[in-house]
Amino acid sequence: MTKFAFIFPGQGSQTTGMGLDLFNNFDDSKKIYNIADEVLGKKISEICFNGPDDNLKQTINAQSAIVATSIAALAAFKSKCNIEPEVVLGHSLGEYCAMYAAGVMDLETTMKAIQKRSELMDEATKITKGTMAAILGAKIEDINSSIEEASKIGLVQIANYNDPTQVVITGEIEAVSKACEIIKEKGARKVVPLAVSGGFHSKLMNSAKEGFENFVKELNLNNAKIPVITNVDAKLTTKKEDFLTKMPNQINSSVMWNQSIENAIKEGVSVFIEFGNGKVLAGLNRKICPEVKTYNVSDSTTLKAVIEELTVGV
């Protein structure tokens, strides 16, 4: 019997126009956007559909927009298909979609949490100046030793373990730049500075983590109906008490995505379905485990194709 995992992308997957097809073609998706607009007190749907790009890219808009779009894609899928996942997981921000899919939070709570998270992270970027860079084709021991050396001049650490060939580093601008310089000398295939507003998933986000710790205490959470493989430790999580701890910790900790996908496969998953804009996670999956299948649902065309494929058999 085929075992499925539902996966959800994080910040950076946004593009203007995303979700409009879902809104126009699926009542369940339209309902998601309408509720998101109401909870957020702003037309996040209009920002998704019409931008402009500069508005959509802002952390305080991008996070809510991506979550609304991913959940709208999930709603469209569920209206046409009754497949249930073995596990769910999301990349950084996408973890909130996974928690929603697992029944940990309802939609209103999810959108409130994301709004607060994005506000706190945005505030943190104004307090501390940071940046991030993707390292491609470098040995992990070389990355670690480069970080150790660069740490002498400032804060730098690993933000994302994305796949076996890609790690993202984060921290203070000078220290990240120095680490990139050292890693290049050690033979990294490519180093790509990222166009981000801060050093996310680093100790530069400590103020956001602390603010979010106080906020989540007031949230109404449930135990997960489906295990969520969490970013901070790549472990299957179901207890609401664990989510209350892990949600704030995720803000300033590494995203263990590579390890999380590997653990999903250990649970018997052979098919992943990515819900939301783009195919970022499908691309990472090809590097992590080429033999598994990853489908994407982002609009009516991709939804139809996935259902046809799954009906025939996977």
C-alpha atoms as a PDB file:
ATOM      1  CA  MET A   1       0.000   0.000   0.000  1.00  0.00           C
ATOM      2  CA  THR A   2       1.323   3.422  -1.009  1.00  0.00           C
ATOM      3  CA  LYS A   3       2.100   5.793   1.850  1.00  0.00           C
ATOM      4  CA  PHE A   4       1.876   9.534   1.233  1.00  0.00           C
ATOM      5  CA  ALA A   5       3.361  12.633   2.846  1.00  0.00           C
ATOM      6  CA  PHE A   6       1.954  16.132   2.384  1.00  0.00           C
ATOM      7  CA  ILE A   7       4.641  18.832   2.251  1.00  0.00           C
ATOM      8  CA  PHE A   8       4.435  22.626   2.257  1.00  0.00           C
ATOM      9  CA  PRO A   9       6.968  25.249   1.052  1.00  0.00           C
ATOM     10  CA  GLY A  10       8.339  28.187   3.008  1.00  0.00           C
ATOM     11  CA  GLN A  11       9.160  31.841   2.439  1.00  0.00           C
ATOM     12  CA  GLY A  12      10.662  32.593  -0.946  1.00  0.00           C
ATOM     13  CA  SER A  13       8.157  30.463  -2.872  1.00  0.00           C
ATOM     14  CA  GLN A  14       5.820  33.419  -3.458  1.00  0.00           C
ATOM     15  CA  THR A  15       5.042  34.919  -6.873  1.00  0.00           C
ATOM     16  CA  THR A  16       2.422  37.495  -7.804  1.00  0.00           C
ATOM     17  CA  GLY A  17      -0.677  35.808  -9.215  1.00  0.00           C
ATOM     18  CA  MET A  18      -0.422  32.714  -7.049  1.00  0.00           C
ATOM     19  CA  GLY A  19      -3.695  31.223  -5.899  1.00  0.00           C
ATOM     20  CA  LEU A  20      -5.934  33.159  -8.285  1.00  0.00           C
ATOM     21  CA  ASP A  21      -6.787  30.025 -10.286  1.00  0.00           C
ATOM     22  CA  LEU A  22      -7.644  28.197  -7.042  1.00  0.00           C
ATOM     23  CA  PHE A  23      -9.829  31.101  -5.888  1.00  0.00           C
ATOM     24  CA  ASN A  24     -11.695  31.203  -9.198  1.00  0.00           C
ATOM     25  CA  ASN A  25     -12.228  27.448  -9.577  1.00  0.00           C
ATOM     26  CA  PHE A  26     -12.738  25.969  -6.092  1.00  0.00           C
ATOM     27  CA  ASP A  27     -15.269  27.164  -3.527  1.00  0.00           C
ATOM     28  CA  ASP A  28     -13.268  25.547  -0.716  1.00  0.00           C
ATOM     29  CA  SER A  29     -10.165  27.483  -1.759  1.00  0.00           C
ATOM     30  CA  LYS A  30     -12.115  30.730  -2.021  1.00  0.00           C
ATOM     31  CA  LYS A  31     -13.363  30.163   1.536  1.00  0.00           C
ATOM     32  CA  ILE A  32      -9.757  29.823   2.770  1.00  0.00           C
ATOM     33  CA  TYR A  33      -8.787  33.177   1.280  1.00  0.00           C
ATOM     34  CA  ASN A  34     -11.940  34.883   2.572  1.00  0.00           C
ATOM     35  CA  ILE A  35     -11.278  33.657   6.128  1.00  0.00           C
ATOM     36  CA  ALA A  36      -7.598  34.650   5.882  1.00  0.00           C
ATOM     37  CA  ASP A  37      -8.583  38.178   4.772  1.00  0.00           C
ATOM     38  CA  GLU A  38     -10.992  38.477   7.676  1.00  0.00           C
ATOM     39  CA  VAL A  39      -8.595  37.167  10.351  1.00  0.00           C
ATOM     40  CA  LEU A  40      -5.651  39.259   9.129  1.00  0.00           C
ATOM     41  CA  GLY A  41      -7.699  42.416   8.702  1.00  0.00           C
ATOM     42  CA  LYS A  42      -6.232  42.983   5.249  1.00  0.00           C
ATOM     43  CA  LYS A  43      -6.809  41.660   1.737  1.00  0.00           C
ATOM     44  CA  ILE A  44      -3.996  39.124   1.652  1.00  0.00           C
ATOM     45  CA  SER A  45      -5.857  37.516  -1.273  1.00  0.00           C
ATOM     46  CA  GLU A  46      -5.435  40.688  -3.343  1.00  0.00           C
ATOM     47  CA  ILE A  47      -1.718  40.801  -2.493  1.00  0.00           C
ATOM     48  CA  CYS A  48      -1.394  37.165  -3.647  1.00  0.00           C
ATOM     49  CA  PHE A  49      -3.301  37.741  -6.881  1.00  0.00           C
ATOM     50  CA  ASN A  50      -2.159  41.244  -7.861  1.00  0.00           C
ATOM     51  CA  GLY A  51       0.930  42.112  -5.816  1.00  0.00           C
ATOM     52  CA  PRO A  52       2.736  44.344  -6.475  1.00  0.00           C
ATOM     53  CA  ASP A  53       5.857  42.217  -6.049  1.00  0.00           C
ATOM     54  CA  ASP A  54       7.404  44.591  -3.508  1.00  0.00           C
ATOM     55  CA  ASN A  55       4.361  44.213  -1.244  1.00  0.00           C
ATOM     56  CA  LEU A  56       4.229  40.449  -1.619  1.00  0.00           C
ATOM     57  CA  LYS A  57       7.943  40.053  -0.798  1.00  0.00           C
ATOM     58  CA  GLN A  58       7.648  41.854   2.549  1.00  0.00           C
ATOM     59  CA  THR A  59       7.924  39.339   5.385  1.00  0.00           C
ATOM     60  CA  ILE A  60       4.707  40.588   7.002  1.00  0.00           C
ATOM     61  CA  ASN A  61       2.801  39.811   3.769  1.00  0.00           C
ATOM     62  CA  ALA A  62       4.799  36.943   2.266  1.00  0.00           C
ATOM     63  CA  GLN A  63       4.339  34.563   5.189  1.00  0.00           C
ATOM     64  CA  SER A  64       0.554  34.970   5.364  1.00  0.00           C
ATOM     65  CA  ALA A  65       0.240  34.852   1.576  1.00  0.00           C
ATOM     66  CA  ILE A  66       2.213  31.616   1.251  1.00  0.00           C
ATOM     67  CA  VAL A  67       0.317  29.900   4.059  1.00  0.00           C
ATOM     68  CA  ALA A  68      -3.082  30.947   2.679  1.00  0.00           C
ATOM     69  CA  THR A  69      -2.138  29.735  -0.796  1.00  0.00           C
ATOM     70  CA  SER A  70      -0.766  26.389   0.392  1.00  0.00           C
ATOM     71  CA  ILE A  71      -3.859  25.714   2.501  1.00  0.00           C
ATOM     72  CA  ALA A  72      -6.099  26.786  -0.400  1.00  0.00           C
ATOM     73  CA  ALA A  73      -4.296  24.231  -2.612  1.00  0.00           C
ATOM     74  CA  LEU A  74      -4.807  21.581   0.070  1.00  0.00           C
ATOM     75  CA  ALA A  75      -8.508  22.475   0.284  1.00  0.00           C
ATOM     76  CA  ALA A  76      -8.911  22.091  -3.483  1.00  0.00           C
ATOM     77  CA  PHE A  77      -7.190  18.702  -3.366  1.00  0.00           C
ATOM     78  CA  LYS A  78      -9.359  17.493  -0.479  1.00  0.00           C
ATOM     79  CA  SER A  79     -12.508  18.516  -2.350  1.00  0.00           C
ATOM     80  CA  LYS A  80     -11.566  16.111  -5.156  1.00  0.00           C
ATOM     81  CA  CYS A  81      -9.541  13.381  -3.448  1.00  0.00           C
ATOM     82  CA  ASN A  82      -9.737  11.476  -0.140  1.00  0.00           C
ATOM     83  CA  ILE A  83      -6.073  10.463   0.162  1.00  0.00           C
ATOM     84  CA  GLU A  84      -4.780  10.771   3.726  1.00  0.00           C
ATOM     85  CA  PRO A  85      -1.067  11.235   4.469  1.00  0.00           C
ATOM     86  CA  GLU A  86       1.088   9.071   6.707  1.00  0.00           C
ATOM     87  CA  VAL A  87       2.962  12.187   7.871  1.00  0.00           C
ATOM     88  CA  VAL A  88       2.976  15.919   7.117  1.00  0.00           C
ATOM     89  CA  LEU A  89       5.842  18.408   7.124  1.00  0.00           C
ATOM     90  CA  GLY A  90       6.643  21.916   5.976  1.00  0.00           C
ATOM     91  CA  HIS A  91       9.817  23.862   5.278  1.00  0.00           C
ATOM     92  CA  SER A  92      10.207  26.581   7.938  1.00  0.00           C
ATOM     93  CA  LEU A  93       7.066  28.696   7.473  1.00  0.00           C
ATOM     94  CA  GLY A  94       5.436  25.713   5.741  1.00  0.00           C
ATOM     95  CA  GLU A  95       5.429  23.852   9.051  1.00  0.00           C
ATOM     96  CA  TYR A  96       2.371  25.894  10.028  1.00  0.00           C
ATOM     97  CA  CYS A  97       0.490  24.508   7.028  1.00  0.00           C
ATOM     98  CA  ALA A  98       1.555  21.032   8.127  1.00  0.00           C
ATOM     99  CA  MET A  99       0.239  21.665  11.642  1.00  0.00           C
ATOM    100  CA  TYR A 100      -3.032  22.901  10.145  1.00  0.00           C
ATOM    101  CA  ALA A 101      -3.262  19.787   7.943  1.00  0.00           C
ATOM    102  CA  ALA A 102      -2.650  17.605  11.014  1.00  0.00           C
ATOM    103  CA  GLY A 103      -5.410  19.316  13.008  1.00  0.00           C
ATOM    104  CA  VAL A 104      -3.054  20.978  15.497  1.00  0.00           C
ATOM    105  CA  MET A 105      -4.586  24.394  14.704  1.00  0.00           C
ATOM    106  CA  ASP A 106      -7.714  25.564  12.938  1.00  0.00           C
ATOM    107  CA  LEU A 107      -7.415  28.072  10.096  1.00  0.00           C
ATOM    108  CA  GLU A 108      -8.095  31.138  12.221  1.00  0.00           C
ATOM    109  CA  THR A 109      -5.437  30.149  14.774  1.00  0.00           C
ATOM    110  CA  THR A 110      -2.954  29.324  12.002  1.00  0.00           C
ATOM    111  CA  MET A 111      -3.367  32.739  10.371  1.00  0.00           C
ATOM    112  CA  LYS A 112      -3.111  34.553  13.716  1.00  0.00           C
ATOM    113  CA  ALA A 113       0.066  32.647  14.550  1.00  0.00           C
ATOM    114  CA  ILE A 114       1.628  33.454  11.183  1.00  0.00           C
ATOM    115  CA  GLN A 115       0.715  37.113  11.462  1.00  0.00           C
ATOM    116  CA  LYS A 116       2.406  37.353  14.869  1.00  0.00           C
ATOM    117  CA  ARG A 117       5.411  35.306  13.737  1.00  0.00           C
ATOM    118  CA  SER A 118       5.992  37.504  10.696  1.00  0.00           C
ATOM    119  CA  GLU A 119       5.593  40.719  12.708  1.00  0.00           C
ATOM    120  CA  LEU A 120       8.127  39.563  15.319  1.00  0.00           C
ATOM    121  CA  MET A 121      10.617  38.395  12.684  1.00  0.00           C
ATOM    122  CA  ASP A 122      10.241  41.669  10.791  1.00  0.00           C
ATOM    123  CA  GLU A 123      10.887  43.610  14.012  1.00  0.00           C
ATOM    124  CA  ALA A 124      13.976  41.474  14.703  1.00  0.00           C
ATOM    125  CA  THR A 125      15.471  42.380  11.313  1.00  0.00           C
ATOM    126  CA  LYS A 126      15.302  46.049  12.305  1.00  0.00           C
ATOM    127  CA  ILE A 127      17.095  45.406  15.599  1.00  0.00           C
ATOM    128  CA  THR A 128      19.872  43.208  14.163  1.00  0.00           C
ATOM    129  CA  LYS A 129      21.327  43.312  10.652  1.00  0.00           C
ATOM    130  CA  GLY A 130      21.853  39.886   9.137  1.00  0.00           C
ATOM    131  CA  THR A 131      21.928  37.967   5.890  1.00  0.00           C
ATOM    132  CA  MET A 132      21.946  34.448   4.449  1.00  0.00           C
ATOM    133  CA  ALA A 133      23.774  32.527   1.713  1.00  0.00           C
ATOM    134  CA  ALA A 134      23.253  29.174   0.006  1.00  0.00           C
ATOM    135  CA  ILE A 135      26.276  26.882  -0.208  1.00  0.00           C
ATOM    136  CA  LEU A 136      26.184  24.356  -3.047  1.00  0.00           C
ATOM    137  CA  GLY A 137      28.426  21.352  -3.517  1.00  0.00           C
ATOM    138  CA  ALA A 138      30.477  21.599  -0.326  1.00  0.00           C
ATOM    139  CA  LYS A 139      31.305  18.937   2.260  1.00  0.00           C
ATOM    140  CA  ILE A 140      29.494  19.461   5.546  1.00  0.00           C
ATOM    141  CA  GLU A 141      32.774  19.230   7.460  1.00  0.00           C
ATOM    142  CA  ASP A 142      34.176  22.060   5.304  1.00  0.00           C
ATOM    143  CA  ILE A 143      31.070  24.151   5.973  1.00  0.00           C
ATOM    144  CA  ASN A 144      31.341  23.528   9.713  1.00  0.00           C
ATOM    145  CA  SER A 145      35.040  24.397   9.847  1.00  0.00           C
ATOM    146  CA  SER A 146      34.446  27.561   7.779  1.00  0.00           C
ATOM    147  CA  ILE A 147      31.666  28.627  10.129  1.00  0.00           C
ATOM    148  CA  GLU A 148      33.902  27.971  13.128  1.00  0.00           C
ATOM    149  CA  GLU A 149      36.632  30.173  11.681  1.00  0.00           C
ATOM    150  CA  ALA A 150      34.247  32.953  10.602  1.00  0.00           C
ATOM    151  CA  SER A 151      32.587  32.908  14.039  1.00  0.00           C
ATOM    152  CA  LYS A 152      35.687  34.668  15.384  1.00  0.00           C
ATOM    153  CA  ILE A 153      34.423  37.897  13.824  1.00  0.00           C
ATOM    154  CA  GLY A 154      30.686  37.482  14.364  1.00  0.00           C
ATOM    155  CA  LEU A 155      27.632  35.250  14.504  1.00  0.00           C
ATOM    156  CA  VAL A 156      27.205  32.689  11.719  1.00  0.00           C
ATOM    157  CA  GLN A 157      25.458  29.326  11.771  1.00  0.00           C
ATOM    158  CA  ILE A 158      23.582  26.841   9.571  1.00  0.00           C
ATOM    159  CA  ALA A 159      20.006  27.910   8.766  1.00  0.00           C
ATOM    160  CA  ASN A 160      18.850  25.079   6.499  1.00  0.00           C
ATOM    161  CA  TYR A 161      19.997  21.559   5.738  1.00  0.00           C
ATOM    162  CA  ASN A 162      18.099  21.562   2.437  1.00  0.00           C
ATOM    163  CA  ASP A 163      19.478  18.549   0.601  1.00  0.00           C
ATOM    164  CA  PRO A 164      22.769  16.617   0.393  1.00  0.00           C
ATOM    165  CA  THR A 165      24.255  19.275  -1.901  1.00  0.00           C
ATOM    166  CA  GLN A 166      22.775  22.473  -0.426  1.00  0.00           C
ATOM    167  CA  VAL A 167      23.139  24.108   2.971  1.00  0.00           C
ATOM    168  CA  VAL A 168      22.083  27.668   3.803  1.00  0.00           C
ATOM    169  CA  ILE A 169      24.105  29.687   6.317  1.00  0.00           C
ATOM    170  CA  THR A 170      22.832  32.674   8.276  1.00  0.00           C
ATOM    171  CA  GLY A 171      24.043  35.337  10.686  1.00  0.00           C
ATOM    172  CA  GLU A 172      25.722  38.724  10.848  1.00  0.00           C
ATOM    173  CA  ILE A 173      26.646  40.189   7.478  1.00  0.00           C
ATOM    174  CA  GLU A 174      30.430  40.347   7.945  1.00  0.00           C
ATOM    175  CA  ALA A 175      30.632  36.847   9.441  1.00  0.00           C
ATOM    176  CA  VAL A 176      28.464  35.273   6.719  1.00  0.00           C
ATOM    177  CA  SER A 177      30.587  36.995   4.063  1.00  0.00           C
ATOM    178  CA  LYS A 178      33.779  35.674   5.691  1.00  0.00           C
ATOM    179  CA  ALA A 179      32.347  32.137   5.911  1.00  0.00           C
ATOM    180  CA  CYS A 180      31.422  32.284   2.212  1.00  0.00           C
ATOM    181  CA  GLU A 181      34.958  33.389   1.334  1.00  0.00           C
ATOM    182  CA  ILE A 182      36.495  30.485   3.300  1.00  0.00           C
ATOM    183  CA  ILE A 183      34.045  27.918   1.889  1.00  0.00           C
ATOM    184  CA  LYS A 184      34.871  29.017  -1.668  1.00  0.00           C
ATOM    185  CA  GLU A 185      38.569  28.488  -0.933  1.00  0.00           C
ATOM    186  CA  LYS A 186      37.747  24.991   0.338  1.00  0.00           C
ATOM    187  CA  GLY A 187      36.170  24.134  -3.016  1.00  0.00           C
ATOM    188  CA  ALA A 188      32.430  24.786  -2.770  1.00  0.00           C
ATOM    189  CA  ARG A 189      30.848  24.509  -6.218  1.00  0.00           C
ATOM    190  CA  LYS A 190      28.785  27.673  -5.768  1.00  0.00           C
ATOM    191  CA  VAL A 191      27.993  30.268  -3.108  1.00  0.00           C
ATOM    192  CA  VAL A 192      24.804  32.290  -3.601  1.00  0.00           C
ATOM    193  CA  PRO A 193      24.032  35.326  -1.382  1.00  0.00           C
ATOM    194  CA  LEU A 194      20.274  35.397  -0.720  1.00  0.00           C
ATOM    195  CA  ALA A 195      18.104  38.499  -1.093  1.00  0.00           C
ATOM    196  CA  VAL A 196      16.677  38.442   2.420  1.00  0.00           C
ATOM    197  CA  SER A 197      15.990  41.137   4.990  1.00  0.00           C
ATOM    198  CA  GLY A 198      17.677  39.392   7.915  1.00  0.00           C
ATOM    199  CA  GLY A 199      19.575  36.455   9.356  1.00  0.00           C
ATOM    200  CA  PHE A 200      16.625  34.116   9.765  1.00  0.00           C
ATOM    201  CA  HIS A 201      16.981  30.835  11.689  1.00  0.00           C
ATOM    202  CA  SER A 202      19.855  32.275  13.711  1.00  0.00           C
ATOM    203  CA  LYS A 203      20.366  33.762  17.162  1.00  0.00           C
ATOM    204  CA  LEU A 204      19.698  37.147  15.547  1.00  0.00           C
ATOM    205  CA  MET A 205      16.042  36.066  15.794  1.00  0.00           C
ATOM    206  CA  ASN A 206      16.205  35.567  19.576  1.00  0.00           C
ATOM    207  CA  SER A 207      13.914  38.536  20.238  1.00  0.00           C
ATOM    208  CA  ALA A 208      11.309  37.064  17.856  1.00  0.00           C
ATOM    209  CA  LYS A 209      11.593  33.663  19.525  1.00  0.00           C
ATOM    210  CA  GLU A 210      11.076  35.144  22.986  1.00  0.00           C
ATOM    211  CA  GLY A 211       8.088  37.214  21.861  1.00  0.00           C
ATOM    212  CA  PHE A 212       6.543  34.206  20.162  1.00  0.00           C
ATOM    213  CA  GLU A 213       7.023  32.039  23.276  1.00  0.00           C
ATOM    214  CA  ASN A 214       4.683  34.352  25.166  1.00  0.00           C
ATOM    215  CA  PHE A 215       2.217  34.478  22.278  1.00  0.00           C
ATOM    216  CA  VAL A 216       1.833  30.721  21.718  1.00  0.00           C
ATOM    217  CA  LYS A 217       0.888  30.168  25.372  1.00  0.00           C
ATOM    218  CA  GLU A 218      -2.459  31.762  24.529  1.00  0.00           C
ATOM    219  CA  LEU A 219      -3.096  29.660  21.412  1.00  0.00           C
ATOM    220  CA  ASN A 220      -5.662  26.886  21.368  1.00  0.00           C
ATOM    221  CA  LEU A 221      -3.739  23.859  20.081  1.00  0.00           C
ATOM    222  CA  ASN A 222      -4.722  20.200  19.693  1.00  0.00           C
ATOM    223  CA  ASN A 223      -2.752  16.981  19.578  1.00  0.00           C
ATOM    224  CA  ALA A 224      -1.932  16.139  15.947  1.00  0.00           C
ATOM    225  CA  LYS A 225      -4.210  13.629  14.197  1.00  0.00           C
ATOM    226  CA  ILE A 226      -1.347  12.904  11.783  1.00  0.00           C
ATOM    227  CA  PRO A 227       2.313  13.032  12.900  1.00  0.00           C
ATOM    228  CA  VAL A 228       4.151  16.238  11.955  1.00  0.00           C
ATOM    229  CA  ILE A 229       7.876  15.850  11.270  1.00  0.00           C
ATOM    230  CA  THR A 230       9.207  19.024  12.862  1.00  0.00           C
ATOM    231  CA  ASN A 231      12.031  21.207  11.519  1.00  0.00           C
ATOM    232  CA  VAL A 232      13.993  21.615  14.730  1.00  0.00           C
ATOM    233  CA  ASP A 233      14.722  17.912  15.263  1.00  0.00           C
ATOM    234  CA  ALA A 234      13.283  15.983  12.271  1.00  0.00           C
ATOM    235  CA  LYS A 235      11.177  13.937  14.709  1.00  0.00           C
ATOM    236  CA  LEU A 236       7.565  12.782  14.452  1.00  0.00           C
ATOM    237  CA  THR A 237       5.528  15.011  16.752  1.00  0.00           C
ATOM    238  CA  THR A 238       1.918  14.692  17.906  1.00  0.00           C
ATOM    239  CA  LYS A 239       1.614  16.224  21.407  1.00  0.00           C
ATOM    240  CA  LYS A 240       0.392  19.810  21.627  1.00  0.00           C
ATOM    241  CA  GLU A 241       2.844  20.492  24.473  1.00  0.00           C
ATOM    242  CA  ASP A 242       5.722  19.662  22.114  1.00  0.00           C
ATOM    243  CA  PHE A 243       4.416  22.042  19.456  1.00  0.00           C
ATOM    244  CA  LEU A 244       4.222  24.835  22.039  1.00  0.00           C
ATOM    245  CA  THR A 245       7.951  24.368  22.643  1.00  0.00           C
ATOM    246  CA  LYS A 246       9.030  23.748  19.065  1.00  0.00           C
ATOM    247  CA  MET A 247       7.135  26.614  17.411  1.00  0.00           C
ATOM    248  CA  PRO A 248       9.209  29.377  19.065  1.00  0.00           C
ATOM    249  CA  ASN A 249      12.427  27.326  18.868  1.00  0.00           C
ATOM    250  CA  GLN A 250      11.993  26.960  15.109  1.00  0.00           C
ATOM    251  CA  ILE A 251      12.461  30.716  14.632  1.00  0.00           C
ATOM    252  CA  ASN A 252      16.146  30.727  15.674  1.00  0.00           C
ATOM    253  CA  SER A 253      17.079  27.072  14.984  1.00  0.00           C
ATOM    254  CA  SER A 254      18.251  25.201  11.894  1.00  0.00           C
ATOM    255  CA  VAL A 255      15.672  23.715   9.518  1.00  0.00           C
ATOM    256  CA  MET A 256      16.537  20.013   9.295  1.00  0.00           C
ATOM    257  CA  TRP A 257      14.744  19.441   5.996  1.00  0.00           C
ATOM    258  CA  ASN A 258      17.044  16.821   4.490  1.00  0.00           C
ATOM    259  CA  GLN A 259      16.831  14.772   7.685  1.00  0.00           C
ATOM    260  CA  SER A 260      13.036  15.228   7.857  1.00  0.00           C
ATOM    261  CA  ILE A 261      12.473  13.869   4.351  1.00  0.00           C
ATOM    262  CA  GLU A 262      14.775  10.941   5.088  1.00  0.00           C
ATOM    263  CA  ASN A 263      12.738  10.172   8.215  1.00  0.00           C
ATOM    264  CA  ALA A 264       9.487  10.339   6.250  1.00  0.00           C
ATOM    265  CA  ILE A 265      10.932   7.743   3.883  1.00  0.00           C
ATOM    266  CA  LYS A 266      11.906   5.584   6.875  1.00  0.00           C
ATOM    267  CA  GLU A 267       8.208   5.678   7.833  1.00  0.00           C
ATOM    268  CA  GLY A 268       7.440   4.058   4.495  1.00  0.00           C
ATOM    269  CA  VAL A 269       6.498   7.164   2.488  1.00  0.00           C
ATOM    270  CA  SER A 270       7.078   6.712  -1.231  1.00  0.00           C
ATOM    271  CA  VAL A 271       4.970   9.589  -2.609  1.00  0.00           C
ATOM    272  CA  PHE A 272       5.119  13.250  -1.577  1.00  0.00           C
ATOM    273  CA  ILE A 273       2.540  15.857  -2.550  1.00  0.00           C
ATOM    274  CA  GLU A 274       3.691  19.474  -2.342  1.00  0.00           C
ATOM    275  CA  PHE A 275       0.881  21.983  -1.799  1.00  0.00           C
ATOM    276  CA  GLY A 276       1.467  25.595  -2.722  1.00  0.00           C
ATOM    277  CA  ASN A 277       3.199  27.841  -5.187  1.00  0.00           C
ATOM    278  CA  GLY A 278       6.206  26.555  -7.137  1.00  0.00           C
ATOM    279  CA  LYS A 279       8.110  23.288  -6.936  1.00  0.00           C
ATOM    280  CA  VAL A 280      10.949  24.155  -4.579  1.00  0.00           C
ATOM    281  CA  LEU A 281      10.482  21.121  -2.348  1.00  0.00           C
ATOM    282  CA  ALA A 282      10.065  18.763  -5.284  1.00  0.00           C
ATOM    283  CA  GLY A 283      13.477  19.948  -6.462  1.00  0.00           C
ATOM    284  CA  LEU A 284      15.032  19.274  -3.056  1.00  0.00           C
ATOM    285  CA  ASN A 285      13.425  15.829  -2.932  1.00  0.00           C
ATOM    286  CA  ARG A 286      15.073  14.877  -6.221  1.00  0.00           C
ATOM    287  CA  LYS A 287      18.440  15.490  -4.566  1.00  0.00           C
ATOM    288  CA  ILE A 288      17.562  13.827  -1.244  1.00  0.00           C
ATOM    289  CA  CYS A 289      15.951  10.686  -2.621  1.00  0.00           C
ATOM    290  CA  PRO A 290      15.609  10.483  -6.425  1.00  0.00           C
ATOM    291  CA  GLU A 291      13.565   7.266  -6.329  1.00  0.00           C
ATOM    292  CA  VAL A 292      10.549   8.793  -4.537  1.00  0.00           C
ATOM    293  CA  LYS A 293       7.832  10.617  -6.465  1.00  0.00           C
ATOM    294  CA  THR A 294       6.895  14.192  -5.640  1.00  0.00           C
ATOM    295  CA  TYR A 295       3.830  15.867  -7.127  1.00  0.00           C
ATOM    296  CA  ASN A 296       2.811  19.511  -6.857  1.00  0.00           C
ATOM    297  CA  VAL A 297      -0.662  21.002  -6.441  1.00  0.00           C
ATOM    298  CA  SER A 298      -0.767  24.737  -7.078  1.00  0.00           C
ATOM    299  CA  ASP A 299      -3.730  25.278  -9.421  1.00  0.00           C
ATOM    300  CA  SER A 300      -6.539  23.460 -11.259  1.00  0.00           C
ATOM    301  CA  THR A 301      -4.187  22.128 -13.958  1.00  0.00           C
ATOM    302  CA  THR A 302      -1.692  20.563 -11.563  1.00  0.00           C
ATOM    303  CA  LEU A 303      -4.514  19.248  -9.363  1.00  0.00           C
ATOM    304  CA  LYS A 304      -6.132  17.487 -12.325  1.00  0.00           C
ATOM    305  CA  ALA A 305      -2.804  15.993 -13.395  1.00  0.00           C
ATOM    306  CA  VAL A 306      -2.053  14.690  -9.876  1.00  0.00           C
ATOM    307  CA  ILE A 307      -5.481  13.119  -9.439  1.00  0.00           C
ATOM    308  CA  GLU A 308      -5.260  11.435 -12.852  1.00  0.00           C
ATOM    309  CA  GLU A 309      -1.832  10.072 -11.987  1.00  0.00           C
ATOM    310  CA  LEU A 310      -2.901   8.824  -8.561  1.00  0.00           C
ATOM    311  CA  THR A 311      -6.068   7.266  -9.978  1.00  0.00           C
ATOM    312  CA  VAL A 312      -4.025   5.251 -12.437  1.00  0.00           C
ATOM    313  CA  GLY A 313      -1.721   4.202  -9.605  1.00  0.00           C
ATOM    314  CA  VAL A 314       1.601   5.246  -8.184  1.00  0.00           C
END
